[in-house]
PDB file of N, CA and C in Angstrom:
ATOM      1  N   MET A   1      90.052  46.825   5.498  1.00  0.00           N
ATOM      2  CA  MET A   1      89.122  45.440   5.166  1.00  0.00           C
ATOM      3  C   MET A   1      90.286  44.180   6.112  1.00  0.00           C
ATOM      4  N   ALA A   2      90.144  43.402   6.997  1.00  0.00           N
ATOM      5  CA  ALA A   2      91.068  42.466   7.420  1.00  0.00           C
ATOM      6  C   ALA A   2      90.693  41.579   6.501  1.00  0.00           C
ATOM      7  N   GLN A   3      92.095  40.774   6.405  1.00  0.00           N
ATOM      8  CA  GLN A   3      92.163  39.514   5.654  1.00  0.00           C
ATOM      9  C   GLN A   3      92.423  38.534   6.373  1.00  0.00           C
ATOM     10  N   THR A   4      92.340  37.429   5.808  1.00  0.00           N
ATOM     11  CA  THR A   4      92.674  36.000   6.311  1.00  0.00           C
ATOM     12  C   THR A   4      93.409  34.971   5.326  1.00  0.00           C
ATOM     13  N   THR A   5      94.329  34.193   5.952  1.00  0.00           N
ATOM     14  CA  THR A   5      94.834  33.513   4.788  1.00  0.00           C
ATOM     15  C   THR A   5      93.879  31.930   4.746  1.00  0.00           C
ATOM     16  N   MET A   6      93.833  31.492   3.643  1.00  0.00           N
ATOM     17  CA  MET A   6      93.246  29.783   3.480  1.00  0.00           C
ATOM     18  C   MET A   6      94.152  29.087   3.309  1.00  0.00           C
ATOM     19  N   THR A   7      94.035  27.885   3.598  1.00  0.00           N
ATOM     20  CA  THR A   7      95.008  27.058   2.760  1.00  0.00           C
ATOM     21  C   THR A   7      94.287  25.637   2.522  1.00  0.00           C
ATOM     22  N   PHE A   8      94.760  25.153   1.510  1.00  0.00           N
ATOM     23  CA  PHE A   8      94.182  23.970   1.151  1.00  0.00           C
ATOM     24  C   PHE A   8      95.005  23.131   0.249  1.00  0.00           C
ATOM     25  N   ARG A   9      94.671  21.823  -0.012  1.00  0.00           N
ATOM     26  CA  ARG A   9      95.203  21.055  -0.932  1.00  0.00           C
ATOM     27  C   ARG A   9      94.508  20.876  -2.200  1.00  0.00           C
ATOM     28  N   VAL A  10      95.506  21.095  -3.182  1.00  0.00           N
ATOM     29  CA  VAL A  10      95.033  20.329  -4.772  1.00  0.00           C
ATOM     30  C   VAL A  10      96.032  19.721  -5.484  1.00  0.00           C
ATOM     31  N   ASP A  11      95.611  19.213  -6.283  1.00  0.00           N
ATOM     32  CA  ASP A  11      96.730  18.134  -7.366  1.00  0.00           C
ATOM     33  C   ASP A  11      97.505  18.942  -7.783  1.00  0.00           C
ATOM     34  N   ASP A  12      98.891  18.689  -7.743  1.00  0.00           N
ATOM     35  CA  ASP A  12     100.015  19.526  -8.310  1.00  0.00           C
ATOM     36  C   ASP A  12      99.781  19.883  -9.818  1.00  0.00           C
ATOM     37  N   SER A  13      99.504  18.909 -10.660  1.00  0.00           N
ATOM     38  CA  SER A  13      98.902  19.059 -11.823  1.00  0.00           C
ATOM     39  C   SER A  13      97.855  20.627 -12.351  1.00  0.00           C
ATOM     40  N   LEU A  14      97.026  20.008 -11.282  1.00  0.00           N
ATOM     41  CA  LEU A  14      95.696  21.013 -11.355  1.00  0.00           C
ATOM     42  C   LEU A  14      96.157  22.747 -11.238  1.00  0.00           C
ATOM     43  N   LYS A  15      96.846  22.793  -9.852  1.00  0.00           N
ATOM     44  CA  LYS A  15      97.757  24.016  -9.563  1.00  0.00           C
ATOM     45  C   LYS A  15      98.624  24.541 -10.477  1.00  0.00           C
ATOM     46  N   LYS A  16      99.337  24.034 -11.193  1.00  0.00           N
ATOM     47  CA  LYS A  16     100.073  24.241 -12.549  1.00  0.00           C
ATOM     48  C   LYS A  16      99.505  24.716 -13.480  1.00  0.00           C
ATOM     49  N   ASP A  17      98.441  24.219 -13.792  1.00  0.00           N
ATOM     50  CA  ASP A  17      97.517  24.515 -15.096  1.00  0.00           C
ATOM     51  C   ASP A  17      96.435  25.816 -14.454  1.00  0.00           C
ATOM     52  N   PHE A  18      96.091  25.837 -13.515  1.00  0.00           N
ATOM     53  CA  PHE A  18      95.598  26.805 -12.703  1.00  0.00           C
ATOM     54  C   PHE A  18      96.377  27.950 -12.923  1.00  0.00           C
ATOM     55  N   ASP A  19      97.566  28.131 -12.454  1.00  0.00           N
ATOM     56  CA  ASP A  19      98.526  29.287 -12.628  1.00  0.00           C
ATOM     57  C   ASP A  19      99.098  29.890 -13.714  1.00  0.00           C
ATOM     58  N   LYS A  20      98.890  28.917 -14.263  1.00  0.00           N
ATOM     59  CA  LYS A  20      99.141  29.282 -15.819  1.00  0.00           C
ATOM     60  C   LYS A  20      98.037  29.712 -16.845  1.00  0.00           C
ATOM     61  N   LEU A  21      96.705  29.529 -16.266  1.00  0.00           N
ATOM     62  CA  LEU A  21      95.799  30.213 -16.876  1.00  0.00           C
ATOM     63  C   LEU A  21      95.518  31.565 -16.258  1.00  0.00           C
ATOM     64  N   CYS A  22      95.680  31.608 -15.050  1.00  0.00           N
ATOM     65  CA  CYS A  22      95.664  32.780 -14.419  1.00  0.00           C
ATOM     66  C   CYS A  22      96.539  33.784 -14.896  1.00  0.00           C
ATOM     67  N   ASP A  23      97.933  33.360 -15.182  1.00  0.00           N
ATOM     68  CA  ASP A  23      98.897  34.213 -15.589  1.00  0.00           C
ATOM     69  C   ASP A  23      98.462  34.630 -16.955  1.00  0.00           C
ATOM     70  N   GLU A  24      97.580  33.633 -17.851  1.00  0.00           N
ATOM     71  CA  GLU A  24      97.501  34.078 -19.417  1.00  0.00           C
ATOM     72  C   GLU A  24      96.208  35.073 -18.950  1.00  0.00           C
ATOM     73  N   PHE A  25      95.540  35.094 -18.308  1.00  0.00           N
ATOM     74  CA  PHE A  25      94.299  36.446 -17.839  1.00  0.00           C
ATOM     75  C   PHE A  25      94.871  37.454 -17.124  1.00  0.00           C
ATOM     76  N   GLY A  26      96.291  37.294 -16.931  1.00  0.00           N
ATOM     77  CA  GLY A  26      96.875  38.689 -16.069  1.00  0.00           C
ATOM     78  C   GLY A  26      96.234  38.766 -14.679  1.00  0.00           C
ATOM     79  N   LEU A  27      95.824  37.624 -13.970  1.00  0.00           N
ATOM     80  CA  LEU A  27      95.576  37.556 -12.768  1.00  0.00           C
ATOM     81  C   LEU A  27      96.726  36.498 -11.885  1.00  0.00           C
ATOM     82  N   SER A  28      96.214  37.000 -10.490  1.00  0.00           N
ATOM     83  CA  SER A  28      97.181  36.279  -9.533  1.00  0.00           C
ATOM     84  C   SER A  28      96.091  34.902  -9.258  1.00  0.00           C
ATOM     85  N   ASN A  29      96.432  33.728  -8.724  1.00  0.00           N
ATOM     86  CA  ASN A  29      95.524  32.870  -8.130  1.00  0.00           C
ATOM     87  C   ASN A  29      94.549  33.388  -7.271  1.00  0.00           C
ATOM     88  N   THR A  30      95.116  34.122  -6.529  1.00  0.00           N
ATOM     89  CA  THR A  30      94.748  34.954  -5.369  1.00  0.00           C
ATOM     90  C   THR A  30      93.362  35.388  -5.771  1.00  0.00           C
ATOM     91  N   ALA A  31      93.758  36.649  -6.843  1.00  0.00           N
ATOM     92  CA  ALA A  31      92.783  37.158  -7.440  1.00  0.00           C
ATOM     93  C   ALA A  31      91.607  36.237  -8.089  1.00  0.00           C
ATOM     94  N   ALA A  32      92.068  35.251  -8.638  1.00  0.00           N
ATOM     95  CA  ALA A  32      91.093  34.344  -9.296  1.00  0.00           C
ATOM     96  C   ALA A  32      89.994  33.674  -8.300  1.00  0.00           C
ATOM     97  N   LEU A  33      90.755  33.491  -7.037  1.00  0.00           N
ATOM     98  CA  LEU A  33      90.072  32.675  -6.383  1.00  0.00           C
ATOM     99  C   LEU A  33      88.717  33.680  -5.745  1.00  0.00           C
ATOM    100  N   THR A  34      89.610  34.688  -5.563  1.00  0.00           N
ATOM    101  CA  THR A  34      88.601  36.250  -4.750  1.00  0.00           C
ATOM    102  C   THR A  34      87.441  36.110  -5.417  1.00  0.00           C
ATOM    103  N   ILE A  35      87.672  36.486  -7.150  1.00  0.00           N
ATOM    104  CA  ILE A  35      86.482  36.743  -8.029  1.00  0.00           C
ATOM    105  C   ILE A  35      85.444  35.470  -7.645  1.00  0.00           C
ATOM    106  N   PHE A  36      85.912  34.690  -7.673  1.00  0.00           N
ATOM    107  CA  PHE A  36      84.921  33.300  -7.687  1.00  0.00           C
ATOM    108  C   PHE A  36      84.269  33.535  -6.305  1.00  0.00           C
ATOM    109  N   MET A  37      85.114  33.448  -5.427  1.00  0.00           N
ATOM    110  CA  MET A  37      84.278  33.686  -3.849  1.00  0.00           C
ATOM    111  C   MET A  37      83.441  34.808  -3.834  1.00  0.00           C
ATOM    112  N   LYS A  38      83.680  36.126  -4.402  1.00  0.00           N
ATOM    113  CA  LYS A  38      82.598  37.158  -4.411  1.00  0.00           C
ATOM    114  C   LYS A  38      81.368  36.965  -4.965  1.00  0.00           C
ATOM    115  N   THR A  39      81.678  36.071  -6.173  1.00  0.00           N
ATOM    116  CA  THR A  39      80.590  35.922  -7.079  1.00  0.00           C
ATOM    117  C   THR A  39      79.723  34.856  -6.438  1.00  0.00           C
ATOM    118  N   MET A  40      80.054  34.303  -5.704  1.00  0.00           N
ATOM    119  CA  MET A  40      79.328  33.225  -5.518  1.00  0.00           C
ATOM    120  C   MET A  40      78.641  33.402  -4.044  1.00  0.00           C
ATOM    121  N   VAL A  41      79.110  34.417  -3.358  1.00  0.00           N
ATOM    122  CA  VAL A  41      78.491  35.188  -2.184  1.00  0.00           C
ATOM    123  C   VAL A  41      77.468  36.268  -2.639  1.00  0.00           C
ATOM    124  N   ARG A  42      77.774  36.812  -3.913  1.00  0.00           N
ATOM    125  CA  ARG A  42      76.667  38.032  -4.156  1.00  0.00           C
ATOM    126  C   ARG A  42      75.762  37.321  -4.720  1.00  0.00           C
ATOM    127  N   GLU A  43      75.897  36.213  -5.857  1.00  0.00           N
ATOM    128  CA  GLU A  43      74.811  35.579  -6.284  1.00  0.00           C
ATOM    129  C   GLU A  43      74.248  34.528  -5.726  1.00  0.00           C
ATOM    130  N   ARG A  44      74.841  34.317  -4.515  1.00  0.00           N
ATOM    131  CA  ARG A  44      74.291  32.973  -3.460  1.00  0.00           C
ATOM    132  C   ARG A  44      74.260  31.808  -4.090  1.00  0.00           C
ATOM    133  N   ARG A  45      75.084  31.632  -5.116  1.00  0.00           N
ATOM    134  CA  ARG A  45      75.077  30.455  -5.993  1.00  0.00           C
ATOM    135  C   ARG A  45      76.300  29.951  -6.345  1.00  0.00           C
ATOM    136  N   ILE A  46      76.835  28.647  -6.749  1.00  0.00           N
ATOM    137  CA  ILE A  46      77.969  28.646  -7.454  1.00  0.00           C
ATOM    138  C   ILE A  46      77.916  29.079  -9.188  1.00  0.00           C
ATOM    139  N   PRO A  47      78.674  29.852  -9.275  1.00  0.00           N
ATOM    140  CA  PRO A  47      78.590  30.488 -10.755  1.00  0.00           C
ATOM    141  C   PRO A  47      78.918  30.183 -11.912  1.00  0.00           C
ATOM    142  N   PHE A  48      78.643  28.585 -12.077  1.00  0.00           N
ATOM    143  CA  PHE A  48      78.476  27.703 -13.168  1.00  0.00           C
ATOM    144  C   PHE A  48      77.752  26.384 -12.958  1.00  0.00           C
ATOM    145  N   GLU A  49      77.245  26.136 -13.909  1.00  0.00           N
ATOM    146  CA  GLU A  49      76.774  24.850 -13.937  1.00  0.00           C
ATOM    147  C   GLU A  49      77.369  23.541 -13.382  1.00  0.00           C
ATOM    148  N   ILE A  50      76.958  22.854 -12.385  1.00  0.00           N
ATOM    149  CA  ILE A  50      77.512  21.623 -12.166  1.00  0.00           C
ATOM    150  C   ILE A  50      76.559  20.119 -12.538  1.00  0.00           C
ATOM    151  N   ARG A  51      76.995  19.840 -13.297  1.00  0.00           N
ATOM    152  CA  ARG A  51      75.627  18.754 -13.842  1.00  0.00           C
ATOM    153  C   ARG A  51      76.169  17.242 -14.340  1.00  0.00           C
ATOM    154  N   THR A  52      75.757  16.336 -14.612  1.00  0.00           N
ATOM    155  CA  THR A  52      76.003  14.902 -14.858  1.00  0.00           C
ATOM    156  C   THR A  52      74.982  14.447 -15.774  1.00  0.00           C
ATOM    157  N   GLU A  53      75.138  13.763 -16.619  1.00  0.00           N
ATOM    158  CA  GLU A  53      73.960  13.156 -17.413  1.00  0.00           C
ATOM    159  C   GLU A  53      73.129  12.106 -16.476  1.00  0.00           C
ATOM    160  N   PRO A  54      71.959  11.895 -16.815  1.00  0.00           N
ATOM    161  CA  PRO A  54      71.093  10.956 -15.666  1.00  0.00           C
ATOM    162  C   PRO A  54      71.832   9.724 -15.927  1.00  0.00           C
ATOM    163  N   LEU A  55      71.570   9.121 -14.878  1.00  0.00           N
ATOM    164  CA  LEU A  55      72.182   7.488 -15.042  1.00  0.00           C
ATOM    165  C   LEU A  55      72.108   6.419 -15.774  1.00  0.00           C
ATOM    166  N   ASP A  56      70.660   6.766 -16.358  1.00  0.00           N
ATOM    167  CA  ASP A  56      70.118   5.995 -17.547  1.00  0.00           C
ATOM    168  C   ASP A  56      70.541   6.099 -18.751  1.00  0.00           C
ATOM    169  N   GLU A  57      71.099   7.508 -18.927  1.00  0.00           N
ATOM    170  CA  GLU A  57      71.955   7.675 -20.212  1.00  0.00           C
ATOM    171  C   GLU A  57      73.473   7.250 -20.342  1.00  0.00           C
ATOM    172  N   VAL A  58      73.818   7.416 -19.174  1.00  0.00           N
ATOM    173  CA  VAL A  58      75.184   6.721 -18.848  1.00  0.00           C
ATOM    174  C   VAL A  58      75.386   5.205 -19.011  1.00  0.00           C
ATOM    175  N   ALA A  59      74.044   4.970 -18.428  1.00  0.00           N
ATOM    176  CA  ALA A  59      74.214   3.273 -18.642  1.00  0.00           C
ATOM    177  C   ALA A  59      74.002   2.794 -20.002  1.00  0.00           C
ATOM    178  N   ALA A  60      72.962   3.637 -20.685  1.00  0.00           N
ATOM    179  CA  ALA A  60      73.186   3.493 -21.799  1.00  0.00           C
ATOM    180  C   ALA A  60      74.116   3.425 -22.943  1.00  0.00           C
ATOM    181  N   LYS A  61      75.064   4.157 -22.725  1.00  0.00           N
ATOM    182  CA  LYS A  61      76.092   4.631 -23.499  1.00  0.00           C
ATOM    183  C   LYS A  61      77.148   3.367 -23.110  1.00  0.00           C
ATOM    184  N   GLY A  62      77.029   3.062 -21.841  1.00  0.00           N
ATOM    185  CA  GLY A  62      78.135   2.136 -21.544  1.00  0.00           C
ATOM    186  C   GLY A  62      77.804   0.809 -22.008  1.00  0.00           C
ATOM    187  N   ARG A  63      76.473   0.362 -22.122  1.00  0.00           N
ATOM    188  CA  ARG A  63      76.103  -0.469 -22.987  1.00  0.00           C
ATOM    189  C   ARG A  63      76.496  -0.522 -24.710  1.00  0.00           C
ATOM    190  N   LEU A  64      76.284   0.628 -24.907  1.00  0.00           N
ATOM    191  CA  LEU A  64      76.817   0.741 -26.432  1.00  0.00           C
ATOM    192  C   LEU A  64      77.913   0.550 -26.842  1.00  0.00           C
ATOM    193  N   ALA A  65      78.923   1.070 -25.945  1.00  0.00           N
ATOM    194  CA  ALA A  65      80.173   0.800 -25.710  1.00  0.00           C
ATOM    195  C   ALA A  65      80.862  -0.504 -25.675  1.00  0.00           C
ATOM    196  N   PHE A  66      79.951  -1.207 -24.673  1.00  0.00           N
ATOM    197  CA  PHE A  66      80.341  -2.486 -24.367  1.00  0.00           C
ATOM    198  C   PHE A  66      80.170  -3.539 -25.866  1.00  0.00           C
ATOM    199  N   TRP A  67      78.960  -3.384 -26.439  1.00  0.00           N
ATOM    200  CA  TRP A  67      78.416  -4.200 -27.319  1.00  0.00           C
ATOM    201  C   TRP A  67      79.539  -3.372 -28.571  1.00  0.00           C
ATOM    202  N   ALA A  68      79.803  -2.417 -29.081  1.00  0.00           N
ATOM    203  CA  ALA A  68      80.740  -1.961 -29.728  1.00  0.00           C
ATOM    204  C   ALA A  68      81.858  -2.587 -29.891  1.00  0.00           C
ATOM    205  N   LEU A  69      82.548  -2.755 -28.693  1.00  0.00           N
ATOM    206  CA  LEU A  69      84.007  -3.768 -28.237  1.00  0.00           C
ATOM    207  C   LEU A  69      83.563  -5.125 -28.642  1.00  0.00           C
ATOM    208  N   ARG A  70      82.590  -5.660 -28.368  1.00  0.00           N
ATOM    209  CA  ARG A  70      82.257  -6.995 -28.186  1.00  0.00           C
ATOM    210  C   ARG A  70      82.340  -7.088 -29.913  1.00  0.00           C
ATOM    211  N   ALA A  71      81.757  -6.638 -30.633  1.00  0.00           N
ATOM    212  CA  ALA A  71      81.472  -6.916 -32.221  1.00  0.00           C
ATOM    213  C   ALA A  71      83.110  -6.960 -32.812  1.00  0.00           C
ATOM    214  N   GLU A  72      83.999  -5.533 -31.940  1.00  0.00           N
ATOM    215  CA  GLU A  72      85.160  -5.600 -32.702  1.00  0.00           C
ATOM    216  C   GLU A  72      85.919  -6.853 -32.138  1.00  0.00           C
ATOM    217  N   ALA A  73      85.845  -7.405 -31.139  1.00  0.00           N
ATOM    218  CA  ALA A  73      86.590  -8.269 -30.949  1.00  0.00           C
ATOM    219  C   ALA A  73      86.085  -9.548 -31.530  1.00  0.00           C
ATOM    220  N   ARG A  74      84.971  -9.689 -32.148  1.00  0.00           N
ATOM    221  CA  ARG A  74      84.574 -10.799 -32.985  1.00  0.00           C
ATOM    222  C   ARG A  74      84.968 -10.791 -34.094  1.00  0.00           C
ATOM    223  N   ARG A  75      85.001  -9.256 -34.584  1.00  0.00           N
ATOM    224  CA  ARG A  75      85.693  -9.318 -36.095  1.00  0.00           C
ATOM    225  C   ARG A  75      87.371  -9.422 -36.161  1.00  0.00           C
ATOM    226  N   ASN A  76      87.940  -9.485 -34.741  1.00  0.00           N
ATOM    227  CA  ASN A  76      89.391  -9.581 -34.706  1.00  0.00           C
ATOM    228  C   ASN A  76      89.795 -11.132 -34.268  1.00  0.00           C
ATOM    229  N   GLY A  77      88.380 -12.042 -34.376  1.00  0.00           N
ATOM    230  CA  GLY A  77      88.844 -13.404 -33.838  1.00  0.00           C
ATOM    231  C   GLY A  77      88.902 -13.289 -32.301  1.00  0.00           C
ATOM    232  N   LEU A  78      88.576 -12.383 -31.470  1.00  0.00           N
ATOM    233  CA  LEU A  78      89.182 -12.466 -29.876  1.00  0.00           C
ATOM    234  C   LEU A  78      88.124 -12.860 -29.115  1.00  0.00           C
ATOM    235  N   THR A  79      87.025 -13.798 -29.583  1.00  0.00           N
ATOM    236  CA  THR A  79      85.654 -13.661 -28.777  1.00  0.00           C
ATOM    237  C   THR A  79      85.940 -15.043 -27.617  1.00  0.00           C
ATOM    238  N   ASP A  80      87.348 -15.752 -27.773  1.00  0.00           N
ATOM    239  CA  ASP A  80      87.330 -16.901 -27.011  1.00  0.00           C
ATOM    240  C   ASP A  80      88.455 -16.767 -25.855  1.00  0.00           C
ATOM    241  N   MET A  81      88.813 -15.303 -25.698  1.00  0.00           N
ATOM    242  CA  MET A  81      89.822 -15.073 -24.541  1.00  0.00           C
ATOM    243  C   MET A  81      89.371 -15.389 -23.080  1.00  0.00           C
ATOM    244  N   THR A  82      90.108 -15.838 -22.627  1.00  0.00           N
ATOM    245  CA  THR A  82      89.642 -16.018 -20.932  1.00  0.00           C
ATOM    246  C   THR A  82      90.043 -14.905 -20.163  1.00  0.00           C
ATOM    247  N   LEU A  83      89.402 -14.699 -19.131  1.00  0.00           N
ATOM    248  CA  LEU A  83      89.674 -13.318 -18.266  1.00  0.00           C
ATOM    249  C   LEU A  83      91.292 -13.063 -17.832  1.00  0.00           C
ATOM    250  N   GLU A  84      91.756 -13.791 -17.633  1.00  0.00           N
ATOM    251  CA  GLU A  84      93.238 -13.482 -17.614  1.00  0.00           C
ATOM    252  C   GLU A  84      94.168 -13.290 -18.687  1.00  0.00           C
ATOM    253  N   GLU A  85      93.574 -13.798 -20.196  1.00  0.00           N
ATOM    254  CA  GLU A  85      94.053 -13.144 -21.490  1.00  0.00           C
ATOM    255  C   GLU A  85      93.742 -11.825 -21.305  1.00  0.00           C
ATOM    256  N   ILE A  86      92.650 -11.629 -21.271  1.00  0.00           N
ATOM    257  CA  ILE A  86      91.935 -10.027 -21.336  1.00  0.00           C
ATOM    258  C   ILE A  86      92.621  -9.333 -20.636  1.00  0.00           C
ATOM    259  N   ASN A  87      92.925  -9.697 -19.345  1.00  0.00           N
ATOM    260  CA  ASN A  87      93.798  -8.986 -17.954  1.00  0.00           C
ATOM    261  C   ASN A  87      95.371  -8.622 -18.592  1.00  0.00           C
ATOM    262  N   GLU A  88      96.034  -9.810 -19.154  1.00  0.00           N
ATOM    263  CA  GLU A  88      97.179  -9.467 -19.744  1.00  0.00           C
ATOM    264  C   GLU A  88      96.997  -8.909 -20.841  1.00  0.00           C
ATOM    265  N   GLU A  89      96.441  -8.705 -21.700  1.00  0.00           N
ATOM    266  CA  GLU A  89      96.055  -7.669 -22.746  1.00  0.00           C
ATOM    267  C   GLU A  89      96.165  -6.264 -22.323  1.00  0.00           C
ATOM    268  N   ILE A  90      95.420  -6.215 -21.368  1.00  0.00           N
ATOM    269  CA  ILE A  90      95.164  -4.650 -20.464  1.00  0.00           C
ATOM    270  C   ILE A  90      96.500  -4.426 -19.812  1.00  0.00           C
ATOM    271  N   ARG A  91      97.439  -5.093 -19.323  1.00  0.00           N
ATOM    272  CA  ARG A  91      98.403  -4.735 -18.644  1.00  0.00           C
ATOM    273  C   ARG A  91      99.505  -4.540 -19.708  1.00  0.00           C
ATOM    274  N   ALA A  92      99.355  -5.300 -20.701  1.00  0.00           N
ATOM    275  CA  ALA A  92     100.159  -5.064 -21.727  1.00  0.00           C
ATOM    276  C   ALA A  92     100.109  -3.717 -22.483  1.00  0.00           C
ATOM    277  N   ALA A  93      98.818  -3.376 -22.611  1.00  0.00           N
ATOM    278  CA  ALA A  93      98.493  -2.189 -23.262  1.00  0.00           C
ATOM    279  C   ALA A  93      99.275  -0.745 -22.436  1.00  0.00           C
ATOM    280  N   ARG A  94      98.818  -1.058 -20.828  1.00  0.00           N
ATOM    281  CA  ARG A  94      99.240   0.010 -20.263  1.00  0.00           C
ATOM    282  C   ARG A  94     100.768   0.076 -20.039  1.00  0.00           C
ATOM    283  N   ARG A  95     101.748  -1.184 -20.223  1.00  0.00           N
ATOM    284  CA  ARG A  95     103.133  -0.729 -20.133  1.00  0.00           C
ATOM    285  C   ARG A  95     103.499  -0.375 -21.563  1.00  0.00           C
ATOM    286  N   GLY A  96     102.624  -0.043 -22.545  1.00  0.00           N
ATOM    287  CA  GLY A  96     102.948   0.199 -23.830  1.00  0.00           C
ATOM    288  C   GLY A  96     103.461  -0.711 -24.716  1.00  0.00           C
ATOM    289  N   GLU A  97     103.214  -1.914 -24.598  1.00  0.00           N
ATOM    290  CA  GLU A  97     103.853  -3.040 -25.679  1.00  0.00           C
ATOM    291  C   GLU A  97     102.553  -3.216 -26.771  1.00  0.00           C
TER     292      GLU A  97
END
């Protein structure tokens, strides 16, 4: 059977994690990808479910998170912050302060 080479780009961290997991399974990354591809061709589908929550559920969760954060801000006396003060708090958190 003739073979061909495939080349594609993937995030370094994902590649390292994938290689480590393949090693734990006793597979090369080539063998793992070949298994995936053969399964996909044989079953004529992606061999796992790809899904997301309906947008209305995502929006509802977002609103709940917003109201929870707003209540927490109220409890901590932070309701009168300007947008610039809020952004500075975010920047400080990202700097680890």
